[in-house]
PDB file of all heavy atoms in Angstrom:
ATOM      1  N   ILE A   1      93.512 112.692 104.412  1.00  0.00           N
ATOM      2  CA  ILE A   1      93.345 112.253 103.019  1.00  0.00           C
ATOM      3  C   ILE A   1      94.711 112.091 102.358  1.00  0.00           C
ATOM      4  O   ILE A   1      94.949 111.117 101.616  1.00  0.00           O
ATOM      5  CB  ILE A   1      92.486 113.268 102.245  1.00  0.00           C
ATOM      6  CG1 ILE A   1      91.030 113.214 102.744  1.00  0.00           C
ATOM      7  CG2 ILE A   1      92.526 112.990 100.745  1.00  0.00           C
ATOM      8  CD1 ILE A   1      90.149 114.288 102.144  1.00  0.00           C
ATOM      9  N   VAL A   2      95.626 113.012 102.616  1.00  0.00           N
ATOM     10  CA  VAL A   2      96.972 112.915 102.042  1.00  0.00           C
ATOM     11  C   VAL A   2      97.681 111.669 102.560  1.00  0.00           C
ATOM     12  O   VAL A   2      98.328 110.941 101.784  1.00  0.00           O
ATOM     13  CB  VAL A   2      97.782 114.181 102.359  1.00  0.00           C
ATOM     14  CG1 VAL A   2      99.242 114.010 101.948  1.00  0.00           C
ATOM     15  CG2 VAL A   2      97.189 115.393 101.647  1.00  0.00           C
ATOM     16  N   PHE A   3      97.576 111.392 103.879  1.00  0.00           N
ATOM     17  CA  PHE A   3      98.220 110.215 104.439  1.00  0.00           C
ATOM     18  C   PHE A   3      97.659 108.931 103.825  1.00  0.00           C
ATOM     19  O   PHE A   3      98.402 108.000 103.500  1.00  0.00           O
ATOM     20  CB  PHE A   3      98.049 110.192 105.959  1.00  0.00           C
ATOM     21  CG  PHE A   3      99.082 110.991 106.692  1.00  0.00           C
ATOM     22  CD1 PHE A   3      98.711 112.025 107.533  1.00  0.00           C
ATOM     23  CD2 PHE A   3     100.431 110.707 106.552  1.00  0.00           C
ATOM     24  CE1 PHE A   3      99.671 112.766 108.206  1.00  0.00           C
ATOM     25  CE2 PHE A   3     101.398 111.440 107.223  1.00  0.00           C
ATOM     26  CZ  PHE A   3     101.007 112.482 108.048  1.00  0.00           C
ATOM     27  N   VAL A   4      96.345 108.872 103.685  1.00  0.00           N
ATOM     28  CA  VAL A   4      95.738 107.699 103.054  1.00  0.00           C
ATOM     29  C   VAL A   4      96.207 107.567 101.618  1.00  0.00           C
ATOM     30  O   VAL A   4      96.519 106.465 101.132  1.00  0.00           O
ATOM     31  CB  VAL A   4      94.199 107.798 103.127  1.00  0.00           C
ATOM     32  CG1 VAL A   4      93.549 106.694 102.291  1.00  0.00           C
ATOM     33  CG2 VAL A   4      93.726 107.704 104.569  1.00  0.00           C
ATOM     34  N   GLY A   5      96.272 108.698 100.909  1.00  0.00           N
ATOM     35  CA  GLY A   5      96.741 108.673  99.527  1.00  0.00           C
ATOM     36  C   GLY A   5      98.155 108.166  99.404  1.00  0.00           C
ATOM     37  O   GLY A   5      98.481 107.381  98.497  1.00  0.00           O
ATOM     38  N   ILE A   6      99.020 108.591 100.333  1.00  0.00           N
ATOM     39  CA  ILE A   6     100.413 108.128 100.299  1.00  0.00           C
ATOM     40  C   ILE A   6     100.479 106.620 100.534  1.00  0.00           C
ATOM     41  O   ILE A   6     101.213 105.897  99.832  1.00  0.00           O
ATOM     42  CB  ILE A   6     101.241 108.879 101.359  1.00  0.00           C
ATOM     43  CG1 ILE A   6     101.392 110.353 100.959  1.00  0.00           C
ATOM     44  CG2 ILE A   6     102.611 108.235 101.532  1.00  0.00           C
ATOM     45  CD1 ILE A   6     102.092 111.199 102.014  1.00  0.00           C
ATOM     46  N   ALA A   7      99.702 106.121 101.511  1.00  0.00           N
ATOM     47  CA  ALA A   7      99.712 104.688 101.807  1.00  0.00           C
ATOM     48  C   ALA A   7      99.225 103.886 100.604  1.00  0.00           C
ATOM     49  O   ALA A   7      99.831 102.868 100.229  1.00  0.00           O
ATOM     50  CB  ALA A   7      98.850 104.402 103.033  1.00  0.00           C
ATOM     51  N   VAL A   8      98.127 104.322  99.984  1.00  0.00           N
ATOM     52  CA  VAL A   8      97.594 103.604  98.823  1.00  0.00           C
ATOM     53  C   VAL A   8      98.564 103.692  97.649  1.00  0.00           C
ATOM     54  O   VAL A   8      98.802 102.704  96.932  1.00  0.00           O
ATOM     55  CB  VAL A   8      96.216 104.177  98.442  1.00  0.00           C
ATOM     56  CG1 VAL A   8      95.708 103.537  97.139  1.00  0.00           C
ATOM     57  CG2 VAL A   8      95.214 103.946  99.563  1.00  0.00           C
ATOM     58  N   ALA A   9      99.157 104.860  97.447  1.00  0.00           N
ATOM     59  CA  ALA A   9     100.089 105.044  96.338  1.00  0.00           C
ATOM     60  C   ALA A   9     101.324 104.168  96.494  1.00  0.00           C
ATOM     61  O   ALA A   9     101.841 103.618  95.515  1.00  0.00           O
ATOM     62  CB  ALA A   9     100.492 106.515  96.234  1.00  0.00           C
ATOM     63  N   PHE A  10     101.817 104.031  97.722  1.00  0.00           N
ATOM     64  CA  PHE A  10     102.956 103.140  97.957  1.00  0.00           C
ATOM     65  C   PHE A  10     102.623 101.718  97.520  1.00  0.00           C
ATOM     66  O   PHE A  10     103.436 101.017  96.914  1.00  0.00           O
ATOM     67  CB  PHE A  10     103.351 103.152  99.439  1.00  0.00           C
ATOM     68  CG  PHE A  10     104.419 104.151  99.784  1.00  0.00           C
ATOM     69  CD1 PHE A  10     104.195 105.142 100.733  1.00  0.00           C
ATOM     70  CD2 PHE A  10     105.648 104.089  99.159  1.00  0.00           C
ATOM     71  CE1 PHE A  10     105.184 106.047 101.047  1.00  0.00           C
ATOM     72  CE2 PHE A  10     106.649 104.999  99.466  1.00  0.00           C
ATOM     73  CZ  PHE A  10     106.404 105.990 100.415  1.00  0.00           C
ATOM     74  N   GLY A  11     101.405 101.265  97.861  1.00  0.00           N
ATOM     75  CA  GLY A  11     101.012  99.914  97.501  1.00  0.00           C
ATOM     76  C   GLY A  11     100.924  99.719  95.996  1.00  0.00           C
ATOM     77  O   GLY A  11     101.419  98.725  95.454  1.00  0.00           O
ATOM     78  N   PHE A  12     100.292 100.656  95.296  1.00  0.00           N
ATOM     79  CA  PHE A  12     100.152 100.537  93.845  1.00  0.00           C
ATOM     80  C   PHE A  12     101.496 100.661  93.131  1.00  0.00           C
ATOM     81  O   PHE A  12     101.693 100.072  92.064  1.00  0.00           O
ATOM     82  CB  PHE A  12      99.198 101.620  93.332  1.00  0.00           C
ATOM     83  CG  PHE A  12      97.758 101.207  93.364  1.00  0.00           C
ATOM     84  CD1 PHE A  12      96.986 101.443  94.486  1.00  0.00           C
ATOM     85  CD2 PHE A  12      97.170 100.573  92.281  1.00  0.00           C
ATOM     86  CE1 PHE A  12      95.660 101.063  94.535  1.00  0.00           C
ATOM     87  CE2 PHE A  12      95.847 100.182  92.315  1.00  0.00           C
ATOM     88  CZ  PHE A  12      95.075 100.425  93.444  1.00  0.00           C
ATOM     89  N   ALA A  13     102.419 101.432  93.693  1.00  0.00           N
ATOM     90  CA  ALA A  13     103.720 101.639  93.045  1.00  0.00           C
ATOM     91  C   ALA A  13     104.684 100.493  93.320  1.00  0.00           C
ATOM     92  O   ALA A  13     105.805 100.487  92.793  1.00  0.00           O
ATOM     93  CB  ALA A  13     104.334 102.963  93.507  1.00  0.00           C
ATOM     94  N   GLY A  14     104.292  99.551  94.166  1.00  0.00           N
ATOM     95  CA  GLY A  14     105.157  98.413  94.440  1.00  0.00           C
ATOM     96  C   GLY A  14     106.231  98.701  95.454  1.00  0.00           C
ATOM     97  O   GLY A  14     107.257  98.027  95.471  1.00  0.00           O
ATOM     98  N   PHE A  15     106.009  99.709  96.307  1.00  0.00           N
ATOM     99  CA  PHE A  15     106.990 100.050  97.337  1.00  0.00           C
ATOM    100  C   PHE A  15     106.638  99.376  98.659  1.00  0.00           C
ATOM    101  O   PHE A  15     106.747  99.970  99.727  1.00  0.00           O
ATOM    102  CB  PHE A  15     107.052 101.565  97.552  1.00  0.00           C
ATOM    103  CG  PHE A  15     107.546 102.323  96.346  1.00  0.00           C
ATOM    104  CD1 PHE A  15     107.127 103.619  96.101  1.00  0.00           C
ATOM    105  CD2 PHE A  15     108.438 101.743  95.453  1.00  0.00           C
ATOM    106  CE1 PHE A  15     107.589 104.321  95.003  1.00  0.00           C
ATOM    107  CE2 PHE A  15     108.904 102.432  94.356  1.00  0.00           C
ATOM    108  CZ  PHE A  15     108.474 103.729  94.121  1.00  0.00           C
ATOM    109  N   GLY A  16     106.185  98.138  98.605  1.00  0.00           N
ATOM    110  CA  GLY A  16     105.725  97.460  99.806  1.00  0.00           C
ATOM    111  C   GLY A  16     106.779  97.371 100.877  1.00  0.00           C
ATOM    112  O   GLY A  16     106.534  97.683 102.041  1.00  0.00           O
ATOM    113  N   ASN A  17     107.980  96.911 100.532  1.00  0.00           N
ATOM    114  CA  ASN A  17     109.045  96.783 101.525  1.00  0.00           C
ATOM    115  C   ASN A  17     109.429  98.133 102.109  1.00  0.00           C
ATOM    116  O   ASN A  17     109.668  98.277 103.304  1.00  0.00           O
ATOM    117  CB  ASN A  17     110.271  96.110 100.907  1.00  0.00           C
ATOM    118  CG  ASN A  17     109.992  94.664 100.518  1.00  0.00           C
ATOM    119  OD1 ASN A  17     109.146  94.017 101.111  1.00  0.00           O
ATOM    120  ND2 ASN A  17     110.692  94.172  99.498  1.00  0.00           N
ATOM    121  N   PHE A  18     109.491  99.121 101.230  1.00  0.00           N
ATOM    122  CA  PHE A  18     109.834 100.467 101.694  1.00  0.00           C
ATOM    123  C   PHE A  18     108.751 100.999 102.631  1.00  0.00           C
ATOM    124  O   PHE A  18     109.034 101.624 103.656  1.00  0.00           O
ATOM    125  CB  PHE A  18     110.015 101.392 100.490  1.00  0.00           C
ATOM    126  CG  PHE A  18     110.311 102.822 100.871  1.00  0.00           C
ATOM    127  CD1 PHE A  18     111.555 103.191 101.336  1.00  0.00           C
ATOM    128  CD2 PHE A  18     109.316 103.790 100.771  1.00  0.00           C
ATOM    129  CE1 PHE A  18     111.820 104.506 101.684  1.00  0.00           C
ATOM    130  CE2 PHE A  18     109.577 105.094 101.115  1.00  0.00           C
ATOM    131  CZ  PHE A  18     110.830 105.464 101.574  1.00  0.00           C
ATOM    132  N   LEU A  19     107.490 100.737 102.270  1.00  0.00           N
ATOM    133  CA  LEU A  19     106.382 101.196 103.104  1.00  0.00           C
ATOM    134  C   LEU A  19     106.413 100.526 104.471  1.00  0.00           C
ATOM    135  O   LEU A  19     106.150 101.163 105.491  1.00  0.00           O
ATOM    136  CB  LEU A  19     105.063 100.899 102.398  1.00  0.00           C
ATOM    137  CG  LEU A  19     103.787 101.315 103.139  1.00  0.00           C
ATOM    138  CD1 LEU A  19     103.778 102.823 103.363  1.00  0.00           C
ATOM    139  CD2 LEU A  19     102.559 100.885 102.361  1.00  0.00           C
ATOM    140  N   GLN A  20     106.751  99.233 104.517  1.00  0.00           N
ATOM    141  CA  GLN A  20     106.822  98.532 105.781  1.00  0.00           C
ATOM    142  C   GLN A  20     107.929  99.103 106.662  1.00  0.00           C
ATOM    143  O   GLN A  20     107.737  99.302 107.872  1.00  0.00           O
ATOM    144  CB  GLN A  20     107.062  97.043 105.534  1.00  0.00           C
ATOM    145  CG  GLN A  20     107.055  96.191 106.803  1.00  0.00           C
ATOM    146  CD  GLN A  20     107.230  94.709 106.484  1.00  0.00           C
ATOM    147  OE1 GLN A  20     107.350  94.339 105.317  1.00  0.00           O
ATOM    148  NE2 GLN A  20     107.223  93.881 107.509  1.00  0.00           N
ATOM    149  N   SER A  21     109.082  99.375 106.052  1.00  0.00           N
ATOM    150  CA  SER A  21     110.174  99.973 106.816  1.00  0.00           C
ATOM    151  C   SER A  21     109.790 101.363 107.315  1.00  0.00           C
ATOM    152  O   SER A  21     110.077 101.755 108.460  1.00  0.00           O
ATOM    153  CB  SER A  21     111.443 100.065 105.951  1.00  0.00           C
ATOM    154  OG  SER A  21     111.836  98.783 105.514  1.00  0.00           O
ATOM    155  N   LEU A  22     109.127 102.112 106.437  1.00  0.00           N
ATOM    156  CA  LEU A  22     108.706 103.458 106.816  1.00  0.00           C
ATOM    157  C   LEU A  22     107.700 103.410 107.961  1.00  0.00           C
ATOM    158  O   LEU A  22     107.753 104.229 108.889  1.00  0.00           O
ATOM    159  CB  LEU A  22     108.086 104.159 105.597  1.00  0.00           C
ATOM    160  CG  LEU A  22     107.651 105.619 105.806  1.00  0.00           C
ATOM    161  CD1 LEU A  22     108.850 106.491 106.133  1.00  0.00           C
ATOM    162  CD2 LEU A  22     106.929 106.138 104.565  1.00  0.00           C
ATOM    163  N   ALA A  23     106.794 102.434 107.927  1.00  0.00           N
ATOM    164  CA  ALA A  23     105.796 102.304 108.991  1.00  0.00           C
ATOM    165  C   ALA A  23     106.464 101.964 110.319  1.00  0.00           C
ATOM    166  O   ALA A  23     106.064 102.469 111.378  1.00  0.00           O
ATOM    167  CB  ALA A  23     104.775 101.235 108.620  1.00  0.00           C
ATOM    168  N   THR A  24     107.487 101.106 110.287  1.00  0.00           N
ATOM    169  CA  THR A  24     108.201 100.747 111.513  1.00  0.00           C
ATOM    170  C   THR A  24     108.900 101.960 112.110  1.00  0.00           C
ATOM    171  O   THR A  24     108.834 102.221 113.320  1.00  0.00           O
ATOM    172  CB  THR A  24     109.227  99.645 111.224  1.00  0.00           C
ATOM    173  OG1 THR A  24     108.564  98.512 110.653  1.00  0.00           O
ATOM    174  CG2 THR A  24     109.939  99.231 112.509  1.00  0.00           C
ATOM    175  N   ILE A  25     109.568 102.723 111.248  1.00  0.00           N
ATOM    176  CA  ILE A  25     110.262 103.933 111.714  1.00  0.00           C
ATOM    177  C   ILE A  25     109.241 104.934 112.265  1.00  0.00           C
ATOM    178  O   ILE A  25     109.447 105.569 113.309  1.00  0.00           O
ATOM    179  CB  ILE A  25     111.076 104.559 110.571  1.00  0.00           C
ATOM    180  CG1 ILE A  25     112.200 103.587 110.149  1.00  0.00           C
ATOM    181  CG2 ILE A  25     111.662 105.892 110.992  1.00  0.00           C
ATOM    182  CD1 ILE A  25     112.953 104.049 108.915  1.00  0.00           C
ATOM    183  N   ALA A  26     108.114 105.079 111.553  1.00  0.00           N
ATOM    184  CA  ALA A  26     107.091 106.030 111.989  1.00  0.00           C
ATOM    185  C   ALA A  26     106.499 105.625 113.335  1.00  0.00           C
ATOM    186  O   ALA A  26     106.228 106.476 114.187  1.00  0.00           O
ATOM    187  CB  ALA A  26     105.987 106.115 110.930  1.00  0.00           C
ATOM    188  N   ALA A  27     106.305 104.313 113.558  1.00  0.00           N
ATOM    189  CA  ALA A  27     105.762 103.852 114.834  1.00  0.00           C
ATOM    190  C   ALA A  27     106.714 104.161 115.981  1.00  0.00           C
ATOM    191  O   ALA A  27     106.293 104.622 117.053  1.00  0.00           O
ATOM    192  CB  ALA A  27     105.483 102.352 114.767  1.00  0.00           C
ATOM    193  N   ALA A  28     108.016 103.914 115.758  1.00  0.00           N
ATOM    194  CA  ALA A  28     109.004 104.216 116.796  1.00  0.00           C
ATOM    195  C   ALA A  28     109.073 105.711 117.066  1.00  0.00           C
ATOM    196  O   ALA A  28     109.146 106.160 118.219  1.00  0.00           O
ATOM    197  CB  ALA A  28     110.373 103.685 116.373  1.00  0.00           C
ATOM    198  N   ALA A  29     109.021 106.495 115.996  1.00  0.00           N
ATOM    199  CA  ALA A  29     109.070 107.948 116.162  1.00  0.00           C
ATOM    200  C   ALA A  29     107.823 108.451 116.883  1.00  0.00           C
ATOM    201  O   ALA A  29     107.896 109.346 117.736  1.00  0.00           O
ATOM    202  CB  ALA A  29     109.199 108.620 114.795  1.00  0.00           C
ATOM    203  N   THR A  30     106.685 107.865 116.552  1.00  0.00           N
ATOM    204  CA  THR A  30     105.446 108.275 117.204  1.00  0.00           C
ATOM    205  C   THR A  30     105.484 107.983 118.693  1.00  0.00           C
ATOM    206  O   THR A  30     105.027 108.786 119.517  1.00  0.00           O
ATOM    207  CB  THR A  30     104.240 107.544 116.562  1.00  0.00           C
ATOM    208  OG1 THR A  30     104.194 107.861 115.168  1.00  0.00           O
ATOM    209  CG2 THR A  30     102.941 107.960 117.231  1.00  0.00           C
ATOM    210  N   LEU A  31     106.035 106.828 119.077  1.00  0.00           N
ATOM    211  CA  LEU A  31     106.142 106.471 120.483  1.00  0.00           C
ATOM    212  C   LEU A  31     107.036 107.454 121.230  1.00  0.00           C
ATOM    213  O   LEU A  31     106.690 107.919 122.324  1.00  0.00           O
ATOM    214  CB  LEU A  31     106.686 105.051 120.619  1.00  0.00           C
ATOM    215  CG  LEU A  31     106.806 104.496 122.048  1.00  0.00           C
ATOM    216  CD1 LEU A  31     105.426 104.429 122.698  1.00  0.00           C
ATOM    217  CD2 LEU A  31     107.470 103.128 122.034  1.00  0.00           C
ATOM    218  N   ALA A  32     108.181 107.792 120.625  1.00  0.00           N
ATOM    219  CA  ALA A  32     109.102 108.733 121.267  1.00  0.00           C
ATOM    220  C   ALA A  32     108.483 110.118 121.377  1.00  0.00           C
ATOM    221  O   ALA A  32     108.575 110.779 122.420  1.00  0.00           O
ATOM    222  CB  ALA A  32     110.410 108.799 120.478  1.00  0.00           C
ATOM    223  N   ILE A  33     107.848 110.547 120.297  1.00  0.00           N
ATOM    224  CA  ILE A  33     107.214 111.871 120.308  1.00  0.00           C
ATOM    225  C   ILE A  33     106.068 111.904 121.307  1.00  0.00           C
ATOM    226  O   ILE A  33     105.831 112.907 121.985  1.00  0.00           O
ATOM    227  CB  ILE A  33     106.714 112.241 118.897  1.00  0.00           C
ATOM    228  CG1 ILE A  33     107.925 112.429 117.959  1.00  0.00           C
ATOM    229  CG2 ILE A  33     105.872 113.499 118.922  1.00  0.00           C
ATOM    230  CD1 ILE A  33     107.532 112.629 116.508  1.00  0.00           C
ATOM    231  N   GLY A  34     105.346 110.770 121.421  1.00  0.00           N
ATOM    232  CA  GLY A  34     104.233 110.712 122.359  1.00  0.00           C
ATOM    233  C   GLY A  34     104.665 110.946 123.791  1.00  0.00           C
ATOM    234  O   GLY A  34     104.008 111.681 124.538  1.00  0.00           O
ATOM    235  N   PHE A  35     105.800 110.312 124.207  1.00  0.00           N
ATOM    236  CA  PHE A  35     106.294 110.524 125.558  1.00  0.00           C
ATOM    237  C   PHE A  35     106.761 111.962 125.756  1.00  0.00           C
ATOM    238  O   PHE A  35     106.580 112.547 126.829  1.00  0.00           O
ATOM    239  CB  PHE A  35     107.453 109.566 125.855  1.00  0.00           C
ATOM    240  CG  PHE A  35     106.998 108.183 126.209  1.00  0.00           C
ATOM    241  CD1 PHE A  35     107.235 107.104 125.361  1.00  0.00           C
ATOM    242  CD2 PHE A  35     106.318 107.945 127.403  1.00  0.00           C
ATOM    243  CE1 PHE A  35     106.802 105.827 125.687  1.00  0.00           C
ATOM    244  CE2 PHE A  35     105.891 106.663 127.737  1.00  0.00           C
ATOM    245  CZ  PHE A  35     106.137 105.603 126.880  1.00  0.00           C
ATOM    246  N   ALA A  36     107.358 112.553 124.728  1.00  0.00           N
ATOM    247  CA  ALA A  36     107.902 113.904 124.853  1.00  0.00           C
ATOM    248  C   ALA A  36     106.820 114.977 124.787  1.00  0.00           C
ATOM    249  O   ALA A  36     107.031 116.093 125.251  1.00  0.00           O
ATOM    250  CB  ALA A  36     108.940 114.157 123.748  1.00  0.00           C
ATOM    251  N   MET A  37     105.670 114.628 124.224  1.00  0.00           N
ATOM    252  CA  MET A  37     104.631 115.642 124.006  1.00  0.00           C
ATOM    253  C   MET A  37     103.326 115.239 124.691  1.00  0.00           C
ATOM    254  O   MET A  37     102.236 115.450 124.151  1.00  0.00           O
ATOM    255  CB  MET A  37     104.397 115.832 122.509  1.00  0.00           C
ATOM    256  CG  MET A  37     105.630 116.258 121.734  1.00  0.00           C
ATOM    257  SD  MET A  37     105.286 116.498 119.969  1.00  0.00           S
ATOM    258  CE  MET A  37     104.149 117.881 120.037  1.00  0.00           C
ATOM    259  N   GLN A  38     103.427 114.692 125.885  1.00  0.00           N
ATOM    260  CA  GLN A  38     102.222 114.260 126.585  1.00  0.00           C
ATOM    261  C   GLN A  38     101.286 115.425 126.858  1.00  0.00           C
ATOM    262  O   GLN A  38     100.062 115.302 126.687  1.00  0.00           O
ATOM    263  CB  GLN A  38     102.607 113.576 127.902  1.00  0.00           C
ATOM    264  CG  GLN A  38     103.337 112.251 127.715  1.00  0.00           C
ATOM    265  CD  GLN A  38     103.600 111.568 129.045  1.00  0.00           C
ATOM    266  OE1 GLN A  38     102.717 111.418 129.885  1.00  0.00           O
ATOM    267  NE2 GLN A  38     104.838 111.159 129.242  1.00  0.00           N
ATOM    268  N   ASP A  39     101.844 116.566 127.299  1.00  0.00           N
ATOM    269  CA  ASP A  39     101.001 117.727 127.600  1.00  0.00           C
ATOM    270  C   ASP A  39     100.321 118.247 126.347  1.00  0.00           C
ATOM    271  O   ASP A  39      99.134 118.619 126.371  1.00  0.00           O
ATOM    272  CB  ASP A  39     101.840 118.839 128.241  1.00  0.00           C
ATOM    273  CG  ASP A  39     102.314 118.449 129.637  1.00  0.00           C
ATOM    274  OD1 ASP A  39     101.697 117.544 130.237  1.00  0.00           O
ATOM    275  OD2 ASP A  39     103.295 119.055 130.111  1.00  0.00           O
ATOM    276  N   VAL A  40     101.084 118.294 125.233  1.00  0.00           N
ATOM    277  CA  VAL A  40     100.500 118.793 123.985  1.00  0.00           C
ATOM    278  C   VAL A  40      99.364 117.880 123.529  1.00  0.00           C
ATOM    279  O   VAL A  40      98.292 118.332 123.115  1.00  0.00           O
ATOM    280  CB  VAL A  40     101.586 118.893 122.894  1.00  0.00           C
ATOM    281  CG1 VAL A  40     100.964 119.277 121.557  1.00  0.00           C
ATOM    282  CG2 VAL A  40     102.643 119.920 123.298  1.00  0.00           C
ATOM    283  N   ILE A  41      99.603 116.564 123.628  1.00  0.00           N
ATOM    284  CA  ILE A  41      98.576 115.610 123.222  1.00  0.00           C
ATOM    285  C   ILE A  41      97.354 115.716 124.132  1.00  0.00           C
ATOM    286  O   ILE A  41      96.209 115.657 123.678  1.00  0.00           O
ATOM    287  CB  ILE A  41      99.145 114.182 123.230  1.00  0.00           C
ATOM    288  CG1 ILE A  41     100.251 114.057 122.160  1.00  0.00           C
ATOM    289  CG2 ILE A  41      98.051 113.157 122.977  1.00  0.00           C
ATOM    290  CD1 ILE A  41     100.986 112.729 122.187  1.00  0.00           C
ATOM    291  N   ALA A  42      97.604 115.870 125.443  1.00  0.00           N
ATOM    292  CA  ALA A  42      96.488 116.008 126.385  1.00  0.00           C
ATOM    293  C   ALA A  42      95.655 117.242 126.062  1.00  0.00           C
ATOM    294  O   ALA A  42      94.415 117.198 126.102  1.00  0.00           O
ATOM    295  CB  ALA A  42      97.015 116.084 127.813  1.00  0.00           C
TER     296      ALA A  42
END
């Protein structure tokens, strides 16, 4: 719920470009963390 709230709040506040950059960074970080934490995720 908090994550959804942050995404919606970014849109209403006009932080679209910032949100897009943040999403790109988060996707790259998620990919790296995913490889490093395969056992934890499993």
